[in-house]
N, C-alpha and C. Protein backbone atom coordinates (compact mmCIF):
# COMPACT_ATOMS: atom_id res chain seq x y z
N ASP A 1 87.33 21.55 -116.83
CA ASP A 1 86.46 22.71 -116.89
C ASP A 1 85.35 22.42 -117.88
N CYS A 2 84.13 22.50 -117.44
CA CYS A 2 82.99 22.10 -118.26
C CYS A 2 81.94 23.20 -118.23
N ARG A 3 81.34 23.44 -119.41
CA ARG A 3 80.25 24.39 -119.51
C ARG A 3 79.10 23.73 -120.27
N LEU A 4 77.91 24.05 -119.84
CA LEU A 4 76.72 23.48 -120.46
C LEU A 4 75.80 24.62 -120.88
N LEU A 5 75.44 24.62 -122.15
CA LEU A 5 74.47 25.58 -122.65
C LEU A 5 73.17 24.82 -122.89
N ILE A 6 72.11 25.32 -122.31
CA ILE A 6 70.78 24.74 -122.54
C ILE A 6 70.00 25.77 -123.33
N ASN A 7 69.70 25.43 -124.57
CA ASN A 7 68.93 26.34 -125.41
C ASN A 7 67.49 25.87 -125.41
N CYS A 8 66.59 26.72 -124.96
CA CYS A 8 65.19 26.35 -124.78
C CYS A 8 64.36 26.83 -125.95
N ASP A 9 63.37 26.06 -126.31
CA ASP A 9 62.46 26.39 -127.39
C ASP A 9 61.50 27.48 -126.93
N PRO A 10 61.59 28.68 -127.51
CA PRO A 10 60.73 29.76 -127.04
C PRO A 10 59.25 29.54 -127.32
N LEU A 11 58.92 28.69 -128.30
CA LEU A 11 57.51 28.45 -128.60
C LEU A 11 56.86 27.52 -127.58
N ARG A 12 57.64 26.79 -126.87
CA ARG A 12 57.10 25.88 -125.86
C ARG A 12 57.40 26.41 -124.46
N GLU A 13 57.47 27.70 -124.35
CA GLU A 13 57.87 28.34 -123.10
C GLU A 13 57.01 27.91 -121.92
N ILE A 14 55.69 27.82 -122.11
CA ILE A 14 54.81 27.44 -121.02
C ILE A 14 55.16 26.05 -120.52
N GLU A 15 55.39 25.11 -121.45
CA GLU A 15 55.77 23.75 -121.08
C GLU A 15 57.12 23.74 -120.37
N ASN A 16 58.04 24.55 -120.86
CA ASN A 16 59.41 24.52 -120.37
C ASN A 16 59.61 25.26 -119.06
N ASP A 17 58.78 26.24 -118.75
CA ASP A 17 59.04 27.10 -117.60
C ASP A 17 59.21 26.34 -116.29
N LYS A 18 58.32 25.42 -116.00
CA LYS A 18 58.43 24.66 -114.74
C LYS A 18 59.72 23.84 -114.72
N TYR A 19 60.03 23.23 -115.84
CA TYR A 19 61.23 22.41 -115.91
C TYR A 19 62.48 23.28 -115.78
N ILE A 20 62.48 24.43 -116.45
CA ILE A 20 63.63 25.34 -116.36
C ILE A 20 63.79 25.85 -114.93
N ASP A 21 62.67 26.18 -114.29
CA ASP A 21 62.73 26.62 -112.88
C ASP A 21 63.35 25.53 -112.01
N TYR A 22 62.93 24.29 -112.26
CA TYR A 22 63.49 23.16 -111.51
C TYR A 22 64.99 23.03 -111.75
N LEU A 23 65.40 23.10 -113.02
CA LEU A 23 66.83 23.00 -113.33
C LEU A 23 67.62 24.13 -112.70
N GLN A 24 67.07 25.34 -112.75
CA GLN A 24 67.77 26.48 -112.17
C GLN A 24 67.91 26.34 -110.66
N SER A 25 66.92 25.75 -110.00
CA SER A 25 67.05 25.52 -108.56
C SER A 25 68.15 24.49 -108.27
N LEU A 26 68.25 23.48 -109.12
CA LEU A 26 69.33 22.49 -108.95
C LEU A 26 70.71 23.12 -109.18
N ILE A 27 70.78 23.98 -110.18
CA ILE A 27 72.04 24.66 -110.49
C ILE A 27 72.48 25.52 -109.31
N LYS A 28 71.53 26.25 -108.76
CA LYS A 28 71.84 27.11 -107.61
C LYS A 28 72.24 26.26 -106.40
N LYS A 29 71.46 25.22 -106.15
CA LYS A 29 71.72 24.33 -105.00
C LYS A 29 73.12 23.70 -105.08
N ASN A 30 73.54 23.37 -106.29
CA ASN A 30 74.82 22.70 -106.49
C ASN A 30 75.95 23.64 -106.89
N HIS A 31 75.70 24.94 -106.81
CA HIS A 31 76.72 25.97 -107.08
C HIS A 31 77.33 25.82 -108.47
N LEU A 32 76.47 25.70 -109.47
CA LEU A 32 76.92 25.49 -110.85
C LEU A 32 76.61 26.67 -111.77
N SER A 33 76.27 27.80 -111.20
CA SER A 33 75.84 28.93 -112.03
C SER A 33 76.94 29.47 -112.94
N LYS A 34 78.19 29.17 -112.65
CA LYS A 34 79.27 29.61 -113.54
C LYS A 34 79.50 28.62 -114.69
N ASN A 35 78.81 27.48 -114.62
CA ASN A 35 79.03 26.43 -115.61
C ASN A 35 77.82 26.11 -116.49
N VAL A 36 76.64 26.52 -116.07
CA VAL A 36 75.43 26.17 -116.82
C VAL A 36 74.72 27.46 -117.21
N PHE A 37 74.37 27.53 -118.51
CA PHE A 37 73.76 28.74 -119.06
C PHE A 37 72.50 28.38 -119.82
N PHE A 38 71.50 29.24 -119.74
CA PHE A 38 70.24 29.06 -120.46
C PHE A 38 70.09 30.16 -121.50
N ARG A 39 69.51 29.79 -122.63
CA ARG A 39 69.10 30.76 -123.65
C ARG A 39 67.69 30.40 -124.06
N LYS A 40 66.82 31.38 -124.09
CA LYS A 40 65.44 31.16 -124.52
C LYS A 40 65.22 31.87 -125.84
N GLU A 41 65.86 31.38 -126.87
CA GLU A 41 65.71 31.98 -128.18
C GLU A 41 66.17 31.00 -129.24
N TYR A 42 65.64 31.20 -130.42
CA TYR A 42 66.15 30.41 -131.54
C TYR A 42 67.53 30.91 -131.91
N LEU A 43 68.38 30.01 -132.28
CA LEU A 43 69.70 30.38 -132.76
C LEU A 43 69.66 30.42 -134.28
N SER A 44 70.35 31.36 -134.86
CA SER A 44 70.48 31.34 -136.31
C SER A 44 71.32 30.11 -136.68
N ARG A 45 71.27 29.73 -137.91
CA ARG A 45 72.07 28.59 -138.36
C ARG A 45 73.54 28.81 -138.07
N GLU A 46 74.02 30.02 -138.31
CA GLU A 46 75.43 30.34 -138.07
C GLU A 46 75.78 30.24 -136.58
N GLU A 47 74.88 30.75 -135.72
CA GLU A 47 75.12 30.66 -134.27
C GLU A 47 75.14 29.21 -133.82
N LEU A 48 74.21 28.44 -134.35
CA LEU A 48 74.15 27.02 -133.99
C LEU A 48 75.43 26.30 -134.43
N TYR A 49 75.87 26.54 -135.65
CA TYR A 49 77.13 25.95 -136.12
C TYR A 49 78.29 26.35 -135.23
N ASP A 50 78.34 27.63 -134.85
CA ASP A 50 79.42 28.11 -133.98
C ASP A 50 79.42 27.37 -132.65
N PHE A 51 78.23 27.22 -132.04
CA PHE A 51 78.15 26.51 -130.76
C PHE A 51 78.57 25.05 -130.92
N ILE A 52 78.11 24.42 -131.98
CA ILE A 52 78.45 23.01 -132.19
C ILE A 52 79.94 22.86 -132.45
N ASN A 53 80.51 23.74 -133.23
CA ASN A 53 81.94 23.62 -133.56
C ASN A 53 82.85 23.81 -132.36
N VAL A 54 82.42 24.56 -131.35
CA VAL A 54 83.26 24.71 -130.16
C VAL A 54 82.89 23.69 -129.07
N SER A 55 81.89 22.88 -129.35
CA SER A 55 81.46 21.86 -128.39
C SER A 55 82.29 20.59 -128.56
N ASP A 56 82.41 19.85 -127.49
CA ASP A 56 83.03 18.54 -127.56
C ASP A 56 81.98 17.44 -127.70
N ILE A 57 80.83 17.66 -127.10
CA ILE A 57 79.78 16.65 -127.04
C ILE A 57 78.42 17.33 -127.21
N GLY A 58 77.52 16.69 -127.93
CA GLY A 58 76.14 17.14 -128.00
C GLY A 58 75.27 16.21 -127.17
N ILE A 59 74.32 16.78 -126.47
CA ILE A 59 73.41 15.98 -125.65
C ILE A 59 71.99 16.29 -126.12
N LEU A 60 71.31 15.25 -126.59
CA LEU A 60 69.95 15.40 -127.13
C LEU A 60 69.02 14.43 -126.40
N PRO A 61 68.57 14.83 -125.22
CA PRO A 61 67.74 13.92 -124.40
C PRO A 61 66.25 14.03 -124.71
N TYR A 62 65.88 13.83 -125.97
CA TYR A 62 64.47 13.90 -126.32
C TYR A 62 63.70 12.91 -125.46
N VAL A 63 62.49 13.28 -125.06
CA VAL A 63 61.75 12.44 -124.12
C VAL A 63 60.71 11.56 -124.80
N HIS A 64 60.52 11.72 -126.11
CA HIS A 64 59.54 10.91 -126.83
C HIS A 64 60.21 10.23 -128.02
N LYS A 65 59.93 8.96 -128.16
CA LYS A 65 60.49 8.18 -129.27
C LYS A 65 59.95 8.66 -130.62
N SER A 66 58.83 9.33 -130.62
CA SER A 66 58.15 9.67 -131.86
C SER A 66 58.76 10.86 -132.62
N TYR A 67 59.73 11.56 -132.07
CA TYR A 67 60.32 12.68 -132.82
C TYR A 67 60.92 12.15 -134.12
N ILE A 68 60.51 12.75 -135.23
CA ILE A 68 60.93 12.21 -136.52
C ILE A 68 62.06 12.98 -137.16
N SER A 69 62.45 14.10 -136.55
CA SER A 69 63.58 14.83 -137.12
C SER A 69 64.29 15.62 -136.03
N SER A 70 65.51 15.99 -136.34
CA SER A 70 66.28 16.84 -135.45
C SER A 70 67.37 17.50 -136.26
N GLY A 71 67.18 18.77 -136.55
CA GLY A 71 68.22 19.51 -137.26
C GLY A 71 69.49 19.56 -136.46
N VAL A 72 69.36 19.70 -135.15
CA VAL A 72 70.54 19.78 -134.29
C VAL A 72 71.35 18.49 -134.39
N LEU A 73 70.68 17.35 -134.39
CA LEU A 73 71.39 16.08 -134.54
C LEU A 73 72.13 16.03 -135.87
N SER A 74 71.49 16.46 -136.94
CA SER A 74 72.14 16.48 -138.25
C SER A 74 73.37 17.38 -138.23
N PHE A 75 73.27 18.52 -137.57
CA PHE A 75 74.40 19.45 -137.51
C PHE A 75 75.55 18.87 -136.70
N PHE A 76 75.25 18.18 -135.59
CA PHE A 76 76.31 17.53 -134.82
C PHE A 76 76.98 16.44 -135.66
N LEU A 77 76.18 15.69 -136.39
CA LEU A 77 76.74 14.64 -137.25
C LEU A 77 77.62 15.26 -138.33
N ALA A 78 77.14 16.32 -138.97
CA ALA A 78 77.93 16.96 -140.02
C ALA A 78 79.27 17.48 -139.48
N ALA A 79 79.28 17.91 -138.22
CA ALA A 79 80.51 18.40 -137.59
C ALA A 79 81.33 17.27 -136.98
N ALA A 80 80.84 16.04 -137.10
CA ALA A 80 81.51 14.85 -136.55
C ALA A 80 81.75 14.99 -135.04
N LYS A 81 80.75 15.51 -134.34
CA LYS A 81 80.83 15.68 -132.89
C LYS A 81 80.02 14.57 -132.22
N PRO A 82 80.60 13.86 -131.28
CA PRO A 82 79.87 12.80 -130.58
C PRO A 82 78.61 13.32 -129.91
N VAL A 83 77.57 12.52 -129.94
CA VAL A 83 76.31 12.87 -129.31
C VAL A 83 75.89 11.80 -128.31
N ILE A 84 75.27 12.28 -127.28
CA ILE A 84 74.58 11.42 -126.32
C ILE A 84 73.11 11.69 -126.57
N THR A 85 72.37 10.66 -126.91
CA THR A 85 70.98 10.88 -127.31
C THR A 85 70.11 9.71 -126.91
N THR A 86 68.84 10.02 -126.74
CA THR A 86 67.86 8.95 -126.59
C THR A 86 67.61 8.37 -127.98
N ARG A 87 67.03 7.19 -128.01
CA ARG A 87 66.80 6.51 -129.29
C ARG A 87 65.45 6.94 -129.89
N PHE A 88 65.31 8.26 -130.13
CA PHE A 88 64.10 8.72 -130.81
C PHE A 88 64.22 8.32 -132.28
N SER A 89 63.11 8.35 -133.00
CA SER A 89 63.04 7.76 -134.34
C SER A 89 64.16 8.20 -135.27
N TYR A 90 64.40 9.50 -135.36
CA TYR A 90 65.40 10.00 -136.30
C TYR A 90 66.81 9.57 -135.90
N ALA A 91 67.11 9.60 -134.62
CA ALA A 91 68.44 9.18 -134.15
C ALA A 91 68.66 7.70 -134.43
N ALA A 92 67.64 6.90 -134.16
CA ALA A 92 67.76 5.45 -134.40
C ALA A 92 67.95 5.16 -135.88
N TYR A 93 67.31 5.94 -136.74
CA TYR A 93 67.45 5.77 -138.19
C TYR A 93 68.81 6.25 -138.68
N LEU A 94 69.25 7.40 -138.20
CA LEU A 94 70.43 8.06 -138.74
C LEU A 94 71.75 7.50 -138.22
N LEU A 95 71.78 7.11 -136.96
CA LEU A 95 73.04 6.75 -136.31
C LEU A 95 73.18 5.26 -136.04
N PRO A 96 74.21 4.63 -136.58
CA PRO A 96 74.49 3.25 -136.18
C PRO A 96 74.81 3.20 -134.69
N LYS A 97 74.57 2.06 -134.08
CA LYS A 97 74.78 1.91 -132.63
C LYS A 97 76.18 2.33 -132.19
N ASP A 98 77.18 2.06 -133.02
CA ASP A 98 78.55 2.35 -132.60
C ASP A 98 79.02 3.76 -132.95
N SER A 99 78.09 4.61 -133.41
CA SER A 99 78.46 5.98 -133.79
C SER A 99 77.90 7.03 -132.84
N ALA A 100 77.21 6.59 -131.81
CA ALA A 100 76.63 7.51 -130.84
C ALA A 100 76.52 6.80 -129.51
N THR A 101 76.28 7.56 -128.47
CA THR A 101 76.01 6.98 -127.17
C THR A 101 74.52 7.11 -126.92
N PHE A 102 73.83 5.99 -127.03
CA PHE A 102 72.39 5.99 -126.82
C PHE A 102 72.09 5.74 -125.35
N VAL A 103 71.14 6.50 -124.81
CA VAL A 103 70.72 6.35 -123.42
C VAL A 103 69.21 6.15 -123.38
N SER A 104 68.73 5.61 -122.31
CA SER A 104 67.29 5.40 -122.13
C SER A 104 66.58 6.73 -121.94
N PHE A 105 65.31 6.75 -122.31
CA PHE A 105 64.51 7.95 -122.10
C PHE A 105 64.40 8.25 -120.61
N ARG A 106 64.51 9.54 -120.29
CA ARG A 106 64.34 10.03 -118.91
C ARG A 106 65.30 9.37 -117.92
N ASN A 107 66.55 9.15 -118.36
CA ASN A 107 67.53 8.49 -117.51
C ASN A 107 68.75 9.40 -117.33
N SER A 108 68.68 10.29 -116.38
CA SER A 108 69.76 11.25 -116.15
C SER A 108 71.05 10.57 -115.71
N GLN A 109 70.94 9.45 -115.01
CA GLN A 109 72.14 8.72 -114.58
C GLN A 109 72.91 8.19 -115.79
N ALA A 110 72.20 7.67 -116.77
CA ALA A 110 72.86 7.18 -117.98
C ALA A 110 73.52 8.32 -118.75
N ILE A 111 72.87 9.48 -118.77
CA ILE A 111 73.46 10.64 -119.44
C ILE A 111 74.75 11.05 -118.74
N SER A 112 74.73 11.11 -117.41
CA SER A 112 75.95 11.52 -116.69
C SER A 112 77.07 10.50 -116.89
N GLN A 113 76.75 9.22 -116.91
CA GLN A 113 77.78 8.20 -117.17
C GLN A 113 78.35 8.35 -118.57
N ALA A 114 77.50 8.65 -119.54
CA ALA A 114 77.97 8.84 -120.91
C ALA A 114 78.86 10.07 -121.03
N ILE A 115 78.50 11.14 -120.33
CA ILE A 115 79.33 12.35 -120.34
C ILE A 115 80.71 12.03 -119.77
N ILE A 116 80.74 11.32 -118.67
CA ILE A 116 82.02 10.96 -118.04
C ILE A 116 82.85 10.10 -118.99
N LYS A 117 82.23 9.10 -119.62
CA LYS A 117 82.98 8.22 -120.53
C LYS A 117 83.56 9.00 -121.71
N LEU A 118 82.75 9.84 -122.34
CA LEU A 118 83.24 10.60 -123.49
C LEU A 118 84.28 11.65 -123.07
N SER A 119 84.18 12.14 -121.85
CA SER A 119 85.11 13.17 -121.38
C SER A 119 86.44 12.61 -120.88
N THR A 120 86.43 11.38 -120.45
CA THR A 120 87.65 10.82 -119.85
C THR A 120 88.34 9.77 -120.70
N ASP A 121 87.60 9.08 -121.55
CA ASP A 121 88.17 8.02 -122.37
C ASP A 121 88.46 8.60 -123.76
N ARG A 122 89.63 9.17 -123.93
CA ARG A 122 89.99 9.85 -125.17
C ARG A 122 90.03 8.89 -126.36
N GLN A 123 90.39 7.65 -126.13
CA GLN A 123 90.42 6.67 -127.22
C GLN A 123 89.00 6.39 -127.72
N TYR A 124 88.06 6.25 -126.80
CA TYR A 124 86.66 6.03 -127.15
C TYR A 124 86.11 7.26 -127.90
N TYR A 125 86.41 8.44 -127.40
CA TYR A 125 85.98 9.69 -128.02
C TYR A 125 86.52 9.78 -129.46
N ALA A 126 87.79 9.48 -129.63
CA ALA A 126 88.41 9.56 -130.96
C ALA A 126 87.80 8.52 -131.91
N ALA A 127 87.48 7.34 -131.41
CA ALA A 127 86.87 6.30 -132.25
C ALA A 127 85.48 6.73 -132.72
N ILE A 128 84.71 7.32 -131.82
CA ILE A 128 83.38 7.81 -132.20
C ILE A 128 83.50 8.91 -133.24
N ARG A 129 84.41 9.84 -133.02
CA ARG A 129 84.60 10.94 -133.99
C ARG A 129 85.01 10.41 -135.36
N ALA A 130 85.90 9.42 -135.39
CA ALA A 130 86.34 8.86 -136.67
C ALA A 130 85.15 8.25 -137.41
N LYS A 131 84.30 7.52 -136.70
CA LYS A 131 83.11 6.93 -137.33
C LYS A 131 82.16 8.01 -137.83
N LEU A 132 82.02 9.08 -137.04
CA LEU A 132 81.13 10.17 -137.44
C LEU A 132 81.67 10.92 -138.65
N MET A 133 82.98 11.03 -138.77
CA MET A 133 83.56 11.70 -139.94
C MET A 133 83.21 10.95 -141.22
N ILE A 134 83.27 9.64 -141.15
CA ILE A 134 82.89 8.82 -142.32
C ILE A 134 81.39 8.93 -142.57
N LEU A 135 80.61 8.80 -141.51
CA LEU A 135 79.15 8.86 -141.63
C LEU A 135 78.68 10.22 -142.12
N SER A 136 79.34 11.28 -141.70
CA SER A 136 78.91 12.63 -142.08
C SER A 136 78.98 12.83 -143.60
N GLN A 137 79.88 12.12 -144.24
CA GLN A 137 79.99 12.27 -145.69
C GLN A 137 78.74 11.76 -146.41
N SER A 138 77.98 10.91 -145.75
CA SER A 138 76.77 10.40 -146.39
C SER A 138 75.61 11.39 -146.36
N ILE A 139 75.73 12.46 -145.53
CA ILE A 139 74.62 13.40 -145.46
C ILE A 139 74.97 14.81 -145.93
N LEU A 140 76.23 15.10 -146.12
CA LEU A 140 76.62 16.45 -146.55
C LEU A 140 76.32 16.62 -148.03
N TRP A 141 75.75 17.76 -148.38
CA TRP A 141 75.34 18.00 -149.76
C TRP A 141 76.50 17.93 -150.74
N LYS A 142 77.68 18.37 -150.34
CA LYS A 142 78.78 18.35 -151.31
C LYS A 142 79.12 16.93 -151.73
N TYR A 143 78.91 15.96 -150.84
CA TYR A 143 79.15 14.55 -151.19
C TYR A 143 77.94 13.96 -151.91
N LYS A 144 76.74 14.34 -151.49
CA LYS A 144 75.53 13.87 -152.17
C LYS A 144 75.52 14.37 -153.62
N ALA A 145 75.94 15.60 -153.84
CA ALA A 145 75.97 16.16 -155.18
C ALA A 145 76.87 15.33 -156.09
N LYS A 146 78.01 14.90 -155.58
CA LYS A 146 78.91 14.05 -156.37
C LYS A 146 78.24 12.73 -156.73
N GLU A 147 77.51 12.15 -155.77
CA GLU A 147 76.79 10.91 -156.04
C GLU A 147 75.75 11.12 -157.14
N TYR A 148 74.99 12.22 -157.04
CA TYR A 148 73.98 12.52 -158.05
C TYR A 148 74.61 12.72 -159.43
N LEU A 149 75.72 13.42 -159.48
CA LEU A 149 76.40 13.64 -160.76
C LEU A 149 76.87 12.31 -161.37
N GLN A 150 77.34 11.41 -160.54
CA GLN A 150 77.76 10.09 -161.05
C GLN A 150 76.58 9.35 -161.66
N VAL A 151 75.43 9.40 -161.00
CA VAL A 151 74.23 8.74 -161.53
C VAL A 151 73.80 9.40 -162.84
N ILE A 152 73.80 10.71 -162.87
CA ILE A 152 73.41 11.44 -164.08
C ILE A 152 74.36 11.10 -165.24
N ASN A 153 75.64 11.06 -164.95
CA ASN A 153 76.62 10.72 -166.00
C ASN A 153 76.42 9.30 -166.51
N LYS A 154 76.08 8.37 -165.65
CA LYS A 154 75.80 6.98 -166.09
C LYS A 154 74.59 6.94 -166.99
N VAL A 155 73.56 7.72 -166.64
CA VAL A 155 72.35 7.75 -167.45
C VAL A 155 72.66 8.36 -168.83
N ILE A 156 73.42 9.42 -168.84
CA ILE A 156 73.79 10.08 -170.10
C ILE A 156 74.62 9.14 -170.98
N GLU A 157 75.53 8.40 -170.37
CA GLU A 157 76.41 7.50 -171.12
C GLU A 157 75.68 6.28 -171.64
N ALA A 158 74.56 5.91 -170.98
CA ALA A 158 73.85 4.68 -171.36
C ALA A 158 73.04 4.82 -172.62
């Protein structure tokens, strides 16, 4: 049983409308309306965390390599949830090759293969999650704060 939530950027509504219409026609054609949902609104941080925490996989198919940040990617990493993503700048910087499933830009076939692999190969899924749990400690503030305190204490002691 699979459900997909597509959260659309309301500020880019004009850009997204044609694409959303196309996706909705595919959903209808393939009888997937009980499995795919659209939201055209910003989520609060708490709502976003809630969605990520109940998710098994995050899919971030950015279409341009030049994107330099992604809060959603950071949140998935902090929750140690596997992601399928294109190799946009921030993802390539933040995620080692073995900690995410990277797919080519505009390659829906690669995304579907990655979804199947993460959904069916539990050992692979668990290995990715274990790597993300370790990696997440490098970006969470509670761990960064400890690192900063150690540096400050060394400076004070010197």
